[in-house]
Amino acid sequence: QVQLVESGGGLVQAGGSLRLSCAASGLTFSNYHMGWFRQAPGKERDFVAAISWSGGTTYYGDSVKGRFTISRDNAKNTVFLQMNSLKPEDTAVYYCNARHRSSYWGQGTQVTVSS
């Protein structure tokens, strides 16, 4: 079965950095567009970033442009989210998403940014 396992979350001070990873299994990873979403308490799940199957095209939400970078390693079935200049408003559970003919979600990893 398809599994997406996020890691790399944690507690960081404002201005700091974190790198999230999402390891995929049970699917042909290079066929899938990959994305990161986040959900803060009491809020809807929001789009953060996405990357095409080849890695050639990336997309970012307005609130993270210039601070976050999405990348992927198709040889390792892994997608990354490098988060720099973190702000308290970036605090959320971050979810990995794989999308092709179907859509799959990971279980999420908590990111907490203290002021």
PDB file of N, CA and C in Angstrom:
ATOM      1  N   GLN A   1       0.839  -1.187   0.000  1.00  0.00           N
ATOM      2  CA  GLN A   1       0.000   0.000   0.000  1.00  0.00           C
ATOM      3  C   GLN A   1       0.875   1.239   0.000  1.00  0.00           C
ATOM      4  N   VAL A   2       0.287   2.361  -0.382  1.00  0.00           N
ATOM      5  CA  VAL A   2       1.025   3.606  -0.446  1.00  0.00           C
ATOM      6  C   VAL A   2       1.248   4.150   0.961  1.00  0.00           C
ATOM      7  N   GLN A   3       2.490   4.562   1.204  1.00  0.00           N
ATOM      8  CA  GLN A   3       2.818   5.212   2.472  1.00  0.00           C
ATOM      9  C   GLN A   3       3.636   6.454   2.202  1.00  0.00           C
ATOM     10  N   LEU A   4       3.276   7.529   2.867  1.00  0.00           N
ATOM     11  CA  LEU A   4       4.049   8.764   2.862  1.00  0.00           C
ATOM     12  C   LEU A   4       4.404   9.054   4.317  1.00  0.00           C
ATOM     13  N   VAL A   5       5.687   9.138   4.616  1.00  0.00           N
ATOM     14  CA  VAL A   5       6.130   9.333   5.992  1.00  0.00           C
ATOM     15  C   VAL A   5       6.939  10.613   6.087  1.00  0.00           C
ATOM     16  N   GLU A   6       6.374  11.589   6.781  1.00  0.00           N
ATOM     17  CA  GLU A   6       7.055  12.863   6.978  1.00  0.00           C
ATOM     18  C   GLU A   6       7.977  12.799   8.190  1.00  0.00           C
ATOM     19  N   SER A   7       9.024  13.586   8.137  1.00  0.00           N
ATOM     20  CA  SER A   7       9.938  13.713   9.266  1.00  0.00           C
ATOM     21  C   SER A   7      10.611  15.072   9.197  1.00  0.00           C
ATOM     22  N   GLY A   8      11.269  15.447  10.292  1.00  0.00           N
ATOM     23  CA  GLY A   8      12.036  16.683  10.313  1.00  0.00           C
ATOM     24  C   GLY A   8      11.369  17.834  11.032  1.00  0.00           C
ATOM     25  N   GLY A   9      10.146  17.654  11.490  1.00  0.00           N
ATOM     26  CA  GLY A   9       9.490  18.709  12.232  1.00  0.00           C
ATOM     27  C   GLY A   9      10.107  18.884  13.604  1.00  0.00           C
ATOM     28  N   GLY A  10       9.674  19.933  14.291  1.00  0.00           N
ATOM     29  CA  GLY A  10      10.187  20.183  15.631  1.00  0.00           C
ATOM     30  C   GLY A  10       9.915  21.599  16.067  1.00  0.00           C
ATOM     31  N   LEU A  11      10.607  21.983  17.127  1.00  0.00           N
ATOM     32  CA  LEU A  11      10.485  23.312  17.709  1.00  0.00           C
ATOM     33  C   LEU A  11      11.703  24.137  17.316  1.00  0.00           C
ATOM     34  N   VAL A  12      11.458  25.334  16.810  1.00  0.00           N
ATOM     35  CA  VAL A  12      12.545  26.202  16.382  1.00  0.00           C
ATOM     36  C   VAL A  12      12.179  27.644  16.713  1.00  0.00           C
ATOM     37  N   GLN A  13      13.177  28.453  16.945  1.00  0.00           N
ATOM     38  CA  GLN A  13      12.929  29.864  17.208  1.00  0.00           C
ATOM     39  C   GLN A  13      12.670  30.616  15.903  1.00  0.00           C
ATOM     40  N   ALA A  14      11.964  31.711  16.021  1.00  0.00           N
ATOM     41  CA  ALA A  14      11.721  32.564  14.856  1.00  0.00           C
ATOM     42  C   ALA A  14      13.045  32.955  14.211  1.00  0.00           C
ATOM     43  N   GLY A  15      13.059  32.903  12.886  1.00  0.00           N
ATOM     44  CA  GLY A  15      14.278  33.184  12.141  1.00  0.00           C
ATOM     45  C   GLY A  15      15.106  31.952  11.838  1.00  0.00           C
ATOM     46  N   GLY A  16      14.758  30.839  12.464  1.00  0.00           N
ATOM     47  CA  GLY A  16      15.501  29.606  12.263  1.00  0.00           C
ATOM     48  C   GLY A  16      15.056  28.842  11.037  1.00  0.00           C
ATOM     49  N   SER A  17      15.628  27.651  10.883  1.00  0.00           N
ATOM     50  CA  SER A  17      15.369  26.823   9.714  1.00  0.00           C
ATOM     51  C   SER A  17      15.049  25.395  10.117  1.00  0.00           C
ATOM     52  N   LEU A  18      14.277  24.736   9.279  1.00  0.00           N
ATOM     53  CA  LEU A  18      14.017  23.303   9.398  1.00  0.00           C
ATOM     54  C   LEU A  18      13.955  22.718   7.998  1.00  0.00           C
ATOM     55  N   ARG A  19      14.261  21.443   7.897  1.00  0.00           N
ATOM     56  CA  ARG A  19      14.128  20.743   6.621  1.00  0.00           C
ATOM     57  C   ARG A  19      13.239  19.533   6.832  1.00  0.00           C
ATOM     58  N   LEU A  20      12.102  19.543   6.178  1.00  0.00           N
ATOM     59  CA  LEU A  20      11.183  18.417   6.241  1.00  0.00           C
ATOM     60  C   LEU A  20      11.480  17.434   5.116  1.00  0.00           C
ATOM     61  N   SER A  21      11.253  16.167   5.410  1.00  0.00           N
ATOM     62  CA  SER A  21      11.388  15.115   4.405  1.00  0.00           C
ATOM     63  C   SER A  21      10.105  14.311   4.359  1.00  0.00           C
ATOM     64  N   CYS A  22       9.821  13.776   3.205  1.00  0.00           N
ATOM     65  CA  CYS A  22       8.673  12.880   3.045  1.00  0.00           C
ATOM     66  C   CYS A  22       9.143  11.707   2.196  1.00  0.00           C
ATOM     67  N   ALA A  23       9.197  10.547   2.820  1.00  0.00           N
ATOM     68  CA  ALA A  23       9.627   9.334   2.135  1.00  0.00           C
ATOM     69  C   ALA A  23       8.405   8.564   1.659  1.00  0.00           C
ATOM     70  N   ALA A  24       8.375   8.252   0.367  1.00  0.00           N
ATOM     71  CA  ALA A  24       7.226   7.583  -0.228  1.00  0.00           C
ATOM     72  C   ALA A  24       7.554   6.126  -0.547  1.00  0.00           C
ATOM     73  N   SER A  25       6.561   5.268  -0.401  1.00  0.00           N
ATOM     74  CA  SER A  25       6.697   3.872  -0.788  1.00  0.00           C
ATOM     75  C   SER A  25       5.354   3.370  -1.290  1.00  0.00           C
ATOM     76  N   GLY A  26       5.387   2.289  -2.069  1.00  0.00           N
ATOM     77  CA  GLY A  26       4.155   1.693  -2.579  1.00  0.00           C
ATOM     78  C   GLY A  26       3.603   2.373  -3.807  1.00  0.00           C
ATOM     79  N   LEU A  27       4.354   3.280  -4.408  1.00  0.00           N
ATOM     80  CA  LEU A  27       3.925   3.936  -5.630  1.00  0.00           C
ATOM     81  C   LEU A  27       5.131   4.206  -6.517  1.00  0.00           C
ATOM     82  N   THR A  28       4.865   4.489  -7.792  1.00  0.00           N
ATOM     83  CA  THR A  28       5.939   4.870  -8.713  1.00  0.00           C
ATOM     84  C   THR A  28       6.168   6.361  -8.521  1.00  0.00           C
ATOM     85  N   PHE A  29       7.099   6.680  -7.652  1.00  0.00           N
ATOM     86  CA  PHE A  29       7.273   8.046  -7.155  1.00  0.00           C
ATOM     87  C   PHE A  29       7.456   9.049  -8.291  1.00  0.00           C
ATOM     88  N   SER A  30       8.224   8.684  -9.296  1.00  0.00           N
ATOM     89  CA  SER A  30       8.542   9.633 -10.363  1.00  0.00           C
ATOM     90  C   SER A  30       7.338   9.976 -11.232  1.00  0.00           C
ATOM     91  N   ASN A  31       6.210   9.272 -11.058  1.00  0.00           N
ATOM     92  CA  ASN A  31       4.988   9.602 -11.781  1.00  0.00           C
ATOM     93  C   ASN A  31       4.152  10.661 -11.077  1.00  0.00           C
ATOM     94  N   TYR A  32       4.485  10.930  -9.825  1.00  0.00           N
ATOM     95  CA  TYR A  32       3.622  11.737  -8.969  1.00  0.00           C
ATOM     96  C   TYR A  32       4.134  13.165  -8.800  1.00  0.00           C
ATOM     97  N   HIS A  33       3.198  14.094  -8.910  1.00  0.00           N
ATOM     98  CA  HIS A  33       3.461  15.448  -8.447  1.00  0.00           C
ATOM     99  C   HIS A  33       3.388  15.412  -6.914  1.00  0.00           C
ATOM    100  N   MET A  34       4.299  16.110  -6.276  1.00  0.00           N
ATOM    101  CA  MET A  34       4.362  16.079  -4.820  1.00  0.00           C
ATOM    102  C   MET A  34       4.122  17.467  -4.250  1.00  0.00           C
ATOM    103  N   GLY A  35       3.500  17.500  -3.089  1.00  0.00           N
ATOM    104  CA  GLY A  35       3.216  18.790  -2.484  1.00  0.00           C
ATOM    105  C   GLY A  35       3.307  18.756  -0.980  1.00  0.00           C
ATOM    106  N   TRP A  36       3.392  19.947  -0.414  1.00  0.00           N
ATOM    107  CA  TRP A  36       3.329  20.136   1.037  1.00  0.00           C
ATOM    108  C   TRP A  36       2.156  21.059   1.345  1.00  0.00           C
ATOM    109  N   PHE A  37       1.404  20.685   2.362  1.00  0.00           N
ATOM    110  CA  PHE A  37       0.302  21.487   2.869  1.00  0.00           C
ATOM    111  C   PHE A  37       0.504  21.631   4.369  1.00  0.00           C
ATOM    112  N   ARG A  38      -0.195  22.572   4.972  1.00  0.00           N
ATOM    113  CA  ARG A  38      -0.101  22.726   6.416  1.00  0.00           C
ATOM    114  C   ARG A  38      -1.451  23.111   6.987  1.00  0.00           C
ATOM    115  N   GLN A  39      -1.628  22.727   8.249  1.00  0.00           N
ATOM    116  CA  GLN A  39      -2.882  23.020   8.937  1.00  0.00           C
ATOM    117  C   GLN A  39      -2.581  23.476  10.350  1.00  0.00           C
ATOM    118  N   ALA A  40      -2.963  24.710  10.645  1.00  0.00           N
ATOM    119  CA  ALA A  40      -2.828  25.243  11.994  1.00  0.00           C
ATOM    120  C   ALA A  40      -4.094  24.939  12.775  1.00  0.00           C
ATOM    121  N   PRO A  41      -4.016  24.931  14.100  1.00  0.00           N
ATOM    122  CA  PRO A  41      -5.197  24.626  14.913  1.00  0.00           C
ATOM    123  C   PRO A  41      -6.370  25.540  14.580  1.00  0.00           C
ATOM    124  N   GLY A  42      -7.526  24.942  14.344  1.00  0.00           N
ATOM    125  CA  GLY A  42      -8.716  25.715  14.064  1.00  0.00           C
ATOM    126  C   GLY A  42      -8.802  26.306  12.678  1.00  0.00           C
ATOM    127  N   LYS A  43      -7.848  25.961  11.810  1.00  0.00           N
ATOM    128  CA  LYS A  43      -7.831  26.514  10.458  1.00  0.00           C
ATOM    129  C   LYS A  43      -7.903  25.398   9.424  1.00  0.00           C
ATOM    130  N   GLU A  44      -8.175  25.796   8.187  1.00  0.00           N
ATOM    131  CA  GLU A  44      -8.222  24.831   7.096  1.00  0.00           C
ATOM    132  C   GLU A  44      -6.802  24.451   6.673  1.00  0.00           C
ATOM    133  N   ARG A  45      -6.713  23.334   5.977  1.00  0.00           N
ATOM    134  CA  ARG A  45      -5.429  22.909   5.439  1.00  0.00           C
ATOM    135  C   ARG A  45      -5.091  23.797   4.235  1.00  0.00           C
ATOM    136  N   ASP A  46      -3.903  24.376   4.251  1.00  0.00           N
ATOM    137  CA  ASP A  46      -3.490  25.328   3.227  1.00  0.00           C
ATOM    138  C   ASP A  46      -2.346  24.780   2.389  1.00  0.00           C
ATOM    139  N   PHE A  47      -2.316  25.184   1.148  1.00  0.00           N
ATOM    140  CA  PHE A  47      -1.230  24.836   0.242  1.00  0.00           C
ATOM    141  C   PHE A  47       0.050  25.573   0.630  1.00  0.00           C
ATOM    142  N   VAL A  48       1.166  24.841   0.615  1.00  0.00           N
ATOM    143  CA  VAL A  48       2.468  25.438   0.911  1.00  0.00           C
ATOM    144  C   VAL A  48       3.348  25.456  -0.339  1.00  0.00           C
ATOM    145  N   ALA A  49       3.557  24.277  -0.916  1.00  0.00           N
ATOM    146  CA  ALA A  49       4.453  24.188  -2.068  1.00  0.00           C
ATOM    147  C   ALA A  49       4.174  22.897  -2.818  1.00  0.00           C
ATOM    148  N   ALA A  50       4.534  22.876  -4.094  1.00  0.00           N
ATOM    149  CA  ALA A  50       4.384  21.672  -4.901  1.00  0.00           C
ATOM    150  C   ALA A  50       5.504  21.607  -5.924  1.00  0.00           C
ATOM    151  N   ILE A  51       5.758  20.387  -6.397  1.00  0.00           N
ATOM    152  CA  ILE A  51       6.810  20.172  -7.378  1.00  0.00           C
ATOM    153  C   ILE A  51       6.325  19.135  -8.374  1.00  0.00           C
ATOM    154  N   SER A  52       6.632  19.369  -9.641  1.00  0.00           N
ATOM    155  CA  SER A  52       6.190  18.451 -10.686  1.00  0.00           C
ATOM    156  C   SER A  52       6.941  17.130 -10.592  1.00  0.00           C
ATOM    157  N   TRP A  53       6.468  16.131 -11.359  1.00  0.00           N
ATOM    158  CA  TRP A  53       7.040  14.799 -11.270  1.00  0.00           C
ATOM    159  C   TRP A  53       8.530  14.789 -11.594  1.00  0.00           C
ATOM    160  N   SER A  54       8.943  15.675 -12.491  1.00  0.00           N
ATOM    161  CA  SER A  54      10.350  15.712 -12.898  1.00  0.00           C
ATOM    162  C   SER A  54      11.185  16.615 -12.014  1.00  0.00           C
ATOM    163  N   GLY A  55      10.530  17.432 -11.218  1.00  0.00           N
ATOM    164  CA  GLY A  55      11.252  18.434 -10.440  1.00  0.00           C
ATOM    165  C   GLY A  55      11.494  19.716 -11.195  1.00  0.00           C
ATOM    166  N   GLY A  56      11.028  19.791 -12.426  1.00  0.00           N
ATOM    167  CA  GLY A  56      11.329  20.950 -13.247  1.00  0.00           C
ATOM    168  C   GLY A  56      10.485  22.169 -12.967  1.00  0.00           C
ATOM    169  N   THR A  57       9.350  21.963 -12.315  1.00  0.00           N
ATOM    170  CA  THR A  57       8.447  23.079 -12.032  1.00  0.00           C
ATOM    171  C   THR A  57       8.072  23.051 -10.560  1.00  0.00           C
ATOM    172  N   THR A  58       8.114  24.212  -9.943  1.00  0.00           N
ATOM    173  CA  THR A  58       7.737  24.330  -8.541  1.00  0.00           C
ATOM    174  C   THR A  58       6.700  25.445  -8.370  1.00  0.00           C
ATOM    175  N   TYR A  59       5.920  25.306  -7.331  1.00  0.00           N
ATOM    176  CA  TYR A  59       4.875  26.273  -7.015  1.00  0.00           C
ATOM    177  C   TYR A  59       4.935  26.549  -5.513  1.00  0.00           C
ATOM    178  N   TYR A  60       4.598  27.786  -5.130  1.00  0.00           N
ATOM    179  CA  TYR A  60       4.632  28.149  -3.723  1.00  0.00           C
ATOM    180  C   TYR A  60       3.414  28.991  -3.348  1.00  0.00           C
ATOM    181  N   GLY A  61       2.974  28.798  -2.115  1.00  0.00           N
ATOM    182  CA  GLY A  61       1.981  29.697  -1.579  1.00  0.00           C
ATOM    183  C   GLY A  61       2.589  31.068  -1.337  1.00  0.00           C
ATOM    184  N   ASP A  62       1.766  32.091  -1.397  1.00  0.00           N
ATOM    185  CA  ASP A  62       2.275  33.462  -1.290  1.00  0.00           C
ATOM    186  C   ASP A  62       2.996  33.697   0.033  1.00  0.00           C
ATOM    187  N   SER A  63       2.530  33.072   1.094  1.00  0.00           N
ATOM    188  CA  SER A  63       3.097  33.350   2.416  1.00  0.00           C
ATOM    189  C   SER A  63       4.484  32.740   2.612  1.00  0.00           C
ATOM    190  N   VAL A  64       4.893  31.831   1.740  1.00  0.00           N
ATOM    191  CA  VAL A  64       6.193  31.178   1.927  1.00  0.00           C
ATOM    192  C   VAL A  64       7.179  31.465   0.801  1.00  0.00           C
ATOM    193  N   LYS A  65       6.744  32.162  -0.233  1.00  0.00           N
ATOM    194  CA  LYS A  65       7.639  32.469  -1.351  1.00  0.00           C
ATOM    195  C   LYS A  65       8.886  33.206  -0.871  1.00  0.00           C
ATOM    196  N   GLY A  66      10.034  32.753  -1.342  1.00  0.00           N
ATOM    197  CA  GLY A  66      11.290  33.371  -0.967  1.00  0.00           C
ATOM    198  C   GLY A  66      11.880  32.842   0.326  1.00  0.00           C
ATOM    199  N   ARG A  67      11.108  32.059   1.074  1.00  0.00           N
ATOM    200  CA  ARG A  67      11.607  31.500   2.342  1.00  0.00           C
ATOM    201  C   ARG A  67      11.695  29.976   2.312  1.00  0.00           C
ATOM    202  N   PHE A  68      10.771  29.338   1.613  1.00  0.00           N
ATOM    203  CA  PHE A  68      10.728  27.878   1.546  1.00  0.00           C
ATOM    204  C   PHE A  68      11.151  27.409   0.157  1.00  0.00           C
ATOM    205  N   THR A  69      11.768  26.235   0.117  1.00  0.00           N
ATOM    206  CA  THR A  69      12.170  25.624  -1.149  1.00  0.00           C
ATOM    207  C   THR A  69      11.790  24.150  -1.143  1.00  0.00           C
ATOM    208  N   ILE A  70      11.053  23.743  -2.165  1.00  0.00           N
ATOM    209  CA  ILE A  70      10.688  22.336  -2.313  1.00  0.00           C
ATOM    210  C   ILE A  70      11.628  21.696  -3.327  1.00  0.00           C
ATOM    211  N   SER A  71      11.999  20.452  -3.062  1.00  0.00           N
ATOM    212  CA  SER A  71      12.847  19.706  -3.980  1.00  0.00           C
ATOM    213  C   SER A  71      12.516  18.225  -3.848  1.00  0.00           C
ATOM    214  N   ARG A  72      13.031  17.428  -4.768  1.00  0.00           N
ATOM    215  CA  ARG A  72      12.759  15.998  -4.711  1.00  0.00           C
ATOM    216  C   ARG A  72      13.958  15.223  -5.215  1.00  0.00           C
ATOM    217  N   ASP A  73      14.045  13.992  -4.749  1.00  0.00           N
ATOM    218  CA  ASP A  73      15.069  13.051  -5.188  1.00  0.00           C
ATOM    219  C   ASP A  73      14.336  11.798  -5.634  1.00  0.00           C
ATOM    220  N   ASN A  74      14.151  11.656  -6.934  1.00  0.00           N
ATOM    221  CA  ASN A  74      13.371  10.519  -7.427  1.00  0.00           C
ATOM    222  C   ASN A  74      14.094   9.185  -7.220  1.00  0.00           C
ATOM    223  N   ALA A  75      15.400   9.229  -7.101  1.00  0.00           N
ATOM    224  CA  ALA A  75      16.151   7.996  -6.841  1.00  0.00           C
ATOM    225  C   ALA A  75      15.919   7.484  -5.425  1.00  0.00           C
ATOM    226  N   LYS A  76      15.565   8.403  -4.522  1.00  0.00           N
ATOM    227  CA  LYS A  76      15.333   8.033  -3.120  1.00  0.00           C
ATOM    228  C   LYS A  76      13.868   8.113  -2.732  1.00  0.00           C
ATOM    229  N   ASN A  77      12.992   8.365  -3.712  1.00  0.00           N
ATOM    230  CA  ASN A  77      11.550   8.450  -3.439  1.00  0.00           C
ATOM    231  C   ASN A  77      11.243   9.416  -2.302  1.00  0.00           C
ATOM    232  N   THR A  78      11.876  10.553  -2.318  1.00  0.00           N
ATOM    233  CA  THR A  78      11.760  11.500  -1.221  1.00  0.00           C
ATOM    234  C   THR A  78      11.563  12.922  -1.744  1.00  0.00           C
ATOM    235  N   VAL A  79      10.697  13.651  -1.058  1.00  0.00           N
ATOM    236  CA  VAL A  79      10.509  15.068  -1.338  1.00  0.00           C
ATOM    237  C   VAL A  79      10.890  15.840  -0.074  1.00  0.00           C
ATOM    238  N   PHE A  80      11.448  17.028  -0.282  1.00  0.00           N
ATOM    239  CA  PHE A  80      11.953  17.826   0.822  1.00  0.00           C
ATOM    240  C   PHE A  80      11.286  19.203   0.832  1.00  0.00           C
ATOM    241  N   LEU A  81      11.271  19.800   2.004  1.00  0.00           N
ATOM    242  CA  LEU A  81      10.848  21.185   2.125  1.00  0.00           C
ATOM    243  C   LEU A  81      11.846  21.888   3.039  1.00  0.00           C
ATOM    244  N   GLN A  82      12.670  22.730   2.450  1.00  0.00           N
ATOM    245  CA  GLN A  82      13.611  23.530   3.215  1.00  0.00           C
ATOM    246  C   GLN A  82      12.909  24.808   3.625  1.00  0.00           C
ATOM    247  N   MET A  83      12.851  25.040   4.930  1.00  0.00           N
ATOM    248  CA  MET A  83      12.122  26.189   5.465  1.00  0.00           C
ATOM    249  C   MET A  83      13.103  27.102   6.176  1.00  0.00           C
ATOM    250  N   ASN A  84      13.269  28.288   5.655  1.00  0.00           N
ATOM    251  CA  ASN A  84      14.166  29.279   6.241  1.00  0.00           C
ATOM    252  C   ASN A  84      13.383  30.482   6.737  1.00  0.00           C
ATOM    253  N   SER A  85      14.022  31.276   7.560  1.00  0.00           N
ATOM    254  CA  SER A  85      13.395  32.500   8.088  1.00  0.00           C
ATOM    255  C   SER A  85      12.010  32.214   8.643  1.00  0.00           C
ATOM    256  N   LEU A  86      11.927  31.192   9.454  1.00  0.00           N
ATOM    257  CA  LEU A  86      10.636  30.763   9.974  1.00  0.00           C
ATOM    258  C   LEU A  86      10.019  31.812  10.884  1.00  0.00           C
ATOM    259  N   LYS A  87       8.692  31.875  10.821  1.00  0.00           N
ATOM    260  CA  LYS A  87       7.915  32.841  11.597  1.00  0.00           C
ATOM    261  C   LYS A  87       6.932  32.084  12.491  1.00  0.00           C
ATOM    262  N   PRO A  88       6.498  32.698  13.583  1.00  0.00           N
ATOM    263  CA  PRO A  88       5.502  32.014  14.436  1.00  0.00           C
ATOM    264  C   PRO A  88       4.256  31.592  13.661  1.00  0.00           C
ATOM    265  N   GLU A  89       3.879  32.352  12.659  1.00  0.00           N
ATOM    266  CA  GLU A  89       2.693  32.000  11.871  1.00  0.00           C
ATOM    267  C   GLU A  89       2.904  30.788  10.966  1.00  0.00           C
ATOM    268  N   ASP A  90       4.121  30.286  10.891  1.00  0.00           N
ATOM    269  CA  ASP A  90       4.378  29.044  10.159  1.00  0.00           C
ATOM    270  C   ASP A  90       4.059  27.817  11.010  1.00  0.00           C
ATOM    271  N   THR A  91       3.745  28.021  12.270  1.00  0.00           N
ATOM    272  CA  THR A  91       3.417  26.914  13.157  1.00  0.00           C
ATOM    273  C   THR A  91       2.191  26.170  12.648  1.00  0.00           C
ATOM    274  N   ALA A  92       2.340  24.863  12.461  1.00  0.00           N
ATOM    275  CA  ALA A  92       1.259  24.043  11.912  1.00  0.00           C
ATOM    276  C   ALA A  92       1.723  22.598  11.845  1.00  0.00           C
ATOM    277  N   VAL A  93       0.779  21.723  11.542  1.00  0.00           N
ATOM    278  CA  VAL A  93       1.134  20.371  11.141  1.00  0.00           C
ATOM    279  C   VAL A  93       1.331  20.389   9.625  1.00  0.00           C
ATOM    280  N   TYR A  94       2.459  19.880   9.185  1.00  0.00           N
ATOM    281  CA  TYR A  94       2.792  19.882   7.773  1.00  0.00           C
ATOM    282  C   TYR A  94       2.564  18.487   7.187  1.00  0.00           C
ATOM    283  N   TYR A  95       1.833  18.459   6.086  1.00  0.00           N
ATOM    284  CA  TYR A  95       1.457  17.204   5.445  1.00  0.00           C
ATOM    285  C   TYR A  95       2.060  17.105   4.048  1.00  0.00           C
ATOM    286  N   CYS A  96       2.497  15.914   3.719  1.00  0.00           N
ATOM    287  CA  CYS A  96       2.997  15.594   2.395  1.00  0.00           C
ATOM    288  C   CYS A  96       1.843  15.030   1.562  1.00  0.00           C
ATOM    289  N   ASN A  97       1.804  15.377   0.288  1.00  0.00           N
ATOM    290  CA  ASN A  97       0.758  14.904  -0.614  1.00  0.00           C
ATOM    291  C   ASN A  97       1.379  14.407  -1.911  1.00  0.00           C
ATOM    292  N   ALA A  98       0.885  13.278  -2.387  1.00  0.00           N
ATOM    293  CA  ALA A  98       1.286  12.722  -3.680  1.00  0.00           C
ATOM    294  C   ALA A  98       0.058  12.699  -4.575  1.00  0.00           C
ATOM    295  N   ARG A  99       0.202  13.234  -5.788  1.00  0.00           N
ATOM    296  CA  ARG A  99      -0.972  13.348  -6.668  1.00  0.00           C
ATOM    297  C   ARG A  99      -0.615  12.908  -8.070  1.00  0.00           C
ATOM    298  N   HIS A 100      -1.410  11.957  -8.571  1.00  0.00           N
ATOM    299  CA  HIS A 100      -1.309  11.541  -9.971  1.00  0.00           C
ATOM    300  C   HIS A 100      -2.726  11.192 -10.381  1.00  0.00           C
ATOM    301  N   ARG A 101      -3.044   9.964 -10.575  1.00  0.00           N
ATOM    302  CA  ARG A 101      -4.449   9.587 -10.795  1.00  0.00           C
ATOM    303  C   ARG A 101      -5.192   9.526  -9.472  1.00  0.00           C
ATOM    304  N   SER A 102      -4.467   9.276  -8.403  1.00  0.00           N
ATOM    305  CA  SER A 102      -5.027   9.288  -7.054  1.00  0.00           C
ATOM    306  C   SER A 102      -4.240  10.285  -6.213  1.00  0.00           C
ATOM    307  N   SER A 103      -4.778  10.562  -5.033  1.00  0.00           N
ATOM    308  CA  SER A 103      -4.112  11.479  -4.116  1.00  0.00           C
ATOM    309  C   SER A 103      -3.903  10.783  -2.783  1.00  0.00           C
ATOM    310  N   TYR A 104      -2.697  10.928  -2.249  1.00  0.00           N
ATOM    311  CA  TYR A 104      -2.355  10.286  -0.980  1.00  0.00           C
ATOM    312  C   TYR A 104      -1.771  11.327  -0.030  1.00  0.00           C
ATOM    313  N   TRP A 105      -1.989  11.077   1.263  1.00  0.00           N
ATOM    314  CA  TRP A 105      -1.504  11.990   2.295  1.00  0.00           C
ATOM    315  C   TRP A 105      -0.673  11.240   3.321  1.00  0.00           C
ATOM    316  N   GLY A 106       0.310  11.952   3.868  1.00  0.00           N
ATOM    317  CA  GLY A 106       1.043  11.433   5.001  1.00  0.00           C
ATOM    318  C   GLY A 106       0.312  11.752   6.287  1.00  0.00           C
ATOM    319  N   GLN A 107       0.919  11.347   7.407  1.00  0.00           N
ATOM    320  CA  GLN A 107       0.276  11.531   8.703  1.00  0.00           C
ATOM    321  C   GLN A 107       0.577  12.900   9.309  1.00  0.00           C
ATOM    322  N   GLY A 108       1.534  13.603   8.748  1.00  0.00           N
ATOM    323  CA  GLY A 108       1.846  14.951   9.210  1.00  0.00           C
ATOM    324  C   GLY A 108       2.992  14.989  10.196  1.00  0.00           C
ATOM    325  N   THR A 109       3.663  16.133  10.229  1.00  0.00           N
ATOM    326  CA  THR A 109       4.729  16.382  11.201  1.00  0.00           C
ATOM    327  C   THR A 109       4.545  17.787  11.755  1.00  0.00           C
ATOM    328  N   GLN A 110       4.688  17.913  13.061  1.00  0.00           N
ATOM    329  CA  GLN A 110       4.426  19.197  13.726  1.00  0.00           C
ATOM    330  C   GLN A 110       5.641  20.122  13.594  1.00  0.00           C
ATOM    331  N   VAL A 111       5.366  21.348  13.200  1.00  0.00           N
ATOM    332  CA  VAL A 111       6.376  22.407  13.188  1.00  0.00           C
ATOM    333  C   VAL A 111       5.877  23.513  14.107  1.00  0.00           C
ATOM    334  N   THR A 112       6.698  23.853  15.097  1.00  0.00           N
ATOM    335  CA  THR A 112       6.349  24.913  16.039  1.00  0.00           C
ATOM    336  C   THR A 112       7.453  25.959  16.033  1.00  0.00           C
ATOM    337  N   VAL A 113       7.070  27.200  15.758  1.00  0.00           N
ATOM    338  CA  VAL A 113       8.028  28.302  15.705  1.00  0.00           C
ATOM    339  C   VAL A 113       7.722  29.246  16.854  1.00  0.00           C
ATOM    340  N   SER A 114       8.674  29.389  17.751  1.00  0.00           N
ATOM    341  CA  SER A 114       8.491  30.246  18.919  1.00  0.00           C
ATOM    342  C   SER A 114       8.992  31.656  18.620  1.00  0.00           C
ATOM    343  N   SER A 115       8.343  32.628  19.242  1.00  0.00           N
ATOM    344  CA  SER A 115       8.716  34.039  19.006  1.00  0.00           C
ATOM    345  C   SER A 115       9.781  34.488  19.992  1.00  0.00           C
TER     346      SER A 115
END
